[in-house]
Amino acid sequence: MTQENQNPSPEQENPAADSAAEASAEAPAVKTPEQEIAELNQKIGELQDNFLRAKAEGENIRRRATEDIAKAHKFAIESFAEHLVPVTDSLYAALSTDAVDAKAFKEGLEITLKQLLSAFEKGRMTEINPAVGDKFDPHHHQAIASVPSEQEPNTVVSVLQRGYTVADRVLRPALVTVSAPK
């Protein structure tokens, strides 16, 4: 044998060791059970923290929503009340004057009534004022009496008191007298 064959080069000395070194460089390092437990405990801690934060955020949202609902109930009438204040001012002004003229007093009352109806409209409150001869509507009218009449049965003969709705919900039905067959 020649010298070259007897003294292999460093690259040729141990090819199995070279491939093992390359494989260990490419493969992840083997973790000890203690390292795995520590990593899992850290992950558990992060998940618990995230859970507690999400739970606290949910409770805060629920609490804020409850407070907002309570405030909405408490102050729901506020905007409507703001529209009624000028009506009250007009009524106080009418009471404080020493008007002797009935015509002027009536004009003042009519202006005040217009203010009141405007406040009702802004508050989404509408009158139920059926006309004589309208068909009786049990959803918007309350019959106080029935009287014999030439009109067809169950029609409005007279309106005793106007009714009101707030946003399509009956606040008070109109009090009416209805026709009955003769």
Protein backbone atom coordinates (compact mmCIF):
# COMPACT_ATOMS: atom_id res chain seq x y z
CA MET A 1 0.00 0.00 0.00
CA THR A 2 0.97 3.44 -0.60
CA GLN A 3 1.38 6.15 1.87
CA GLU A 4 -1.71 7.88 0.74
CA ASN A 5 -3.85 4.89 1.47
CA GLN A 6 -2.30 4.34 4.86
CA ASN A 7 -2.72 7.92 6.09
CA PRO A 8 -6.20 9.03 5.15
CA SER A 9 -6.91 12.73 4.98
CA PRO A 10 -8.90 14.37 7.81
CA GLU A 11 -11.99 14.49 5.59
CA GLN A 12 -11.73 10.80 4.92
CA GLU A 13 -10.81 9.70 8.43
CA ASN A 14 -14.36 9.18 9.83
CA PRO A 15 -17.19 9.77 7.38
CA ALA A 16 -19.80 8.51 9.89
CA ALA A 17 -18.74 11.11 12.44
CA ASP A 18 -19.00 13.85 9.83
CA SER A 19 -22.55 12.89 8.89
CA ALA A 20 -23.52 12.68 12.60
CA ALA A 21 -22.12 16.15 13.19
CA GLU A 22 -24.07 17.50 10.24
CA ALA A 23 -27.28 15.80 11.44
CA SER A 24 -26.90 17.19 14.96
CA ALA A 25 -26.38 20.69 13.56
CA GLU A 26 -29.59 20.39 11.52
CA ALA A 27 -31.75 18.60 14.13
CA PRO A 28 -33.05 20.53 17.13
CA ALA A 29 -31.34 20.00 20.41
CA VAL A 30 -32.96 17.39 22.58
CA LYS A 31 -34.70 19.02 25.53
CA THR A 32 -34.59 17.59 28.95
CA PRO A 33 -37.88 16.84 30.67
CA GLU A 34 -37.20 19.71 33.10
CA GLN A 35 -36.86 22.15 30.19
CA GLU A 36 -40.09 20.89 28.61
CA ILE A 37 -41.91 21.21 31.95
CA ALA A 38 -40.59 24.77 32.40
CA GLU A 39 -41.71 25.75 28.88
CA LEU A 40 -45.15 24.20 29.40
CA ASN A 41 -45.52 25.94 32.78
CA GLN A 42 -44.60 29.24 31.11
CA LYS A 43 -47.20 28.62 28.38
CA ILE A 44 -49.81 27.75 31.05
CA GLY A 45 -49.00 30.96 32.88
CA GLU A 46 -49.42 33.00 29.68
CA LEU A 47 -52.75 31.32 28.91
CA GLN A 48 -54.00 31.89 32.46
CA ASP A 49 -52.99 35.55 32.24
CA ASN A 50 -54.79 35.93 28.90
CA PHE A 51 -57.87 34.21 30.31
CA LEU A 52 -57.98 36.45 33.38
CA ARG A 53 -57.55 39.57 31.24
CA ALA A 54 -60.35 38.49 28.89
CA LYS A 55 -62.60 37.66 31.85
CA ALA A 56 -61.93 41.07 33.44
CA GLU A 57 -62.60 42.82 30.12
CA GLY A 58 -65.91 40.94 29.77
CA GLU A 59 -66.93 41.94 33.29
CA ASN A 60 -66.00 45.58 32.58
CA ILE A 61 -68.08 45.58 29.39
CA ARG A 62 -71.06 44.07 31.23
CA ARG A 63 -70.74 46.61 34.07
CA ARG A 64 -70.48 49.55 31.63
CA ALA A 65 -73.51 48.28 29.69
CA THR A 66 -75.52 47.99 32.91
CA GLU A 67 -74.55 51.55 33.88
CA ASP A 68 -75.44 52.85 30.41
CA ILE A 69 -78.86 51.18 30.57
CA ALA A 70 -79.50 52.62 34.03
CA LYS A 71 -78.54 56.11 32.80
CA ALA A 72 -80.75 55.72 29.72
CA HIS A 73 -83.72 54.82 31.93
CA LYS A 74 -82.98 57.63 34.35
CA PHE A 75 -82.53 60.36 31.74
CA ALA A 76 -84.86 59.11 28.98
CA ILE A 77 -87.33 61.91 29.61
CA GLU A 78 -84.66 64.63 29.64
CA SER A 79 -85.01 65.75 26.01
CA PHE A 80 -88.81 65.76 26.24
CA ALA A 81 -88.65 67.79 29.45
CA GLU A 82 -86.40 70.34 27.70
CA HIS A 83 -89.18 70.89 25.14
CA LEU A 84 -91.76 71.42 27.88
CA VAL A 85 -89.84 74.14 29.74
CA PRO A 86 -90.85 76.93 27.28
CA VAL A 87 -94.49 75.89 27.68
CA THR A 88 -94.16 76.25 31.42
CA ASP A 89 -92.53 79.67 30.95
CA SER A 90 -95.47 80.80 28.82
CA LEU A 91 -97.99 79.60 31.37
CA TYR A 92 -96.18 81.45 34.19
CA ALA A 93 -96.04 84.58 32.04
CA ALA A 94 -99.80 84.34 31.39
CA LEU A 95 -100.51 83.95 35.10
CA SER A 96 -98.31 86.89 36.05
CA THR A 97 -100.02 89.40 33.72
CA ASP A 98 -103.06 91.34 34.77
CA ALA A 99 -104.75 91.02 31.41
CA VAL A 100 -108.35 92.02 31.48
CA ASP A 101 -108.93 91.38 27.81
CA ALA A 102 -110.34 87.88 27.31
CA LYS A 103 -109.43 87.93 23.62
CA ALA A 104 -105.74 88.57 24.35
CA PHE A 105 -105.79 85.91 27.06
CA LYS A 106 -107.29 83.39 24.62
CA GLU A 107 -104.64 84.24 22.00
CA GLY A 108 -101.94 83.66 24.61
CA LEU A 109 -103.46 80.29 25.48
CA GLU A 110 -103.58 79.31 21.80
CA ILE A 111 -99.89 80.20 21.39
CA THR A 112 -99.06 78.19 24.50
CA LEU A 113 -101.06 75.23 23.16
CA LYS A 114 -99.08 75.41 19.89
CA GLN A 115 -95.85 75.33 21.93
CA LEU A 116 -97.13 72.31 23.83
CA LEU A 117 -98.13 70.46 20.66
CA SER A 118 -94.72 71.28 19.16
CA ALA A 119 -93.06 69.83 22.28
CA PHE A 120 -95.23 66.71 21.90
CA GLU A 121 -94.18 66.36 18.26
CA LYS A 122 -90.48 66.70 19.13
CA GLY A 123 -90.96 64.03 21.81
CA ARG A 124 -92.62 61.74 19.22
CA MET A 125 -95.94 62.07 21.00
CA THR A 126 -99.03 62.33 18.83
CA GLU A 127 -102.69 62.94 19.51
CA ILE A 128 -105.41 60.40 18.94
CA ASN A 129 -108.39 62.52 18.01
CA PRO A 130 -110.87 60.48 15.99
CA ALA A 131 -113.42 62.33 13.91
CA VAL A 132 -117.13 61.76 14.34
CA GLY A 133 -118.09 58.88 12.05
CA ASP A 134 -114.70 57.14 12.22
CA LYS A 135 -114.77 53.40 12.81
CA PHE A 136 -114.16 52.43 16.47
CA ASP A 137 -110.58 51.11 16.92
CA PRO A 138 -110.14 49.21 20.20
CA HIS A 139 -106.35 49.66 19.94
CA HIS A 140 -106.60 53.47 20.00
CA HIS A 141 -110.07 54.19 21.43
CA GLN A 142 -111.85 53.35 24.64
CA ALA A 143 -115.63 53.30 24.43
CA ILE A 144 -117.23 54.93 27.46
CA ALA A 145 -120.80 54.57 26.29
CA SER A 146 -122.86 53.52 23.32
CA VAL A 147 -125.84 55.53 22.20
CA PRO A 148 -128.51 54.83 19.61
CA SER A 149 -127.60 56.62 16.42
CA GLU A 150 -128.34 56.87 12.73
CA GLN A 151 -124.69 56.04 12.01
CA GLU A 152 -123.61 52.49 11.41
CA PRO A 153 -122.85 50.53 14.61
CA ASN A 154 -119.42 50.88 16.26
CA THR A 155 -118.60 54.29 14.85
CA VAL A 156 -117.46 57.29 16.89
CA VAL A 157 -120.33 59.60 17.84
CA SER A 158 -118.34 61.96 20.07
CA VAL A 159 -114.87 62.34 21.55
CA LEU A 160 -114.87 62.92 25.29
CA GLN A 161 -111.08 63.03 25.73
CA ARG A 162 -108.22 62.87 23.25
CA GLY A 163 -105.72 60.05 23.46
CA TYR A 164 -101.97 60.05 22.90
CA THR A 165 -99.31 57.76 21.53
CA VAL A 166 -95.57 57.86 22.10
CA ALA A 167 -93.57 56.38 19.22
CA ASP A 168 -96.56 54.31 18.00
CA ARG A 169 -97.30 53.00 21.49
CA VAL A 170 -100.61 54.03 23.05
CA LEU A 171 -100.02 56.16 26.12
CA ARG A 172 -103.73 56.80 26.66
CA PRO A 173 -106.57 55.78 24.37
CA ALA A 174 -109.10 58.37 23.22
CA LEU A 175 -112.30 58.22 25.26
CA VAL A 176 -115.23 58.03 22.87
CA THR A 177 -118.94 57.41 22.67
CA VAL A 178 -119.89 54.90 19.98
CA SER A 179 -123.06 54.32 18.03
CA ALA A 180 -125.33 51.43 18.80
CA PRO A 181 -128.05 50.07 16.54
CA LYS A 182 -131.52 51.54 17.15
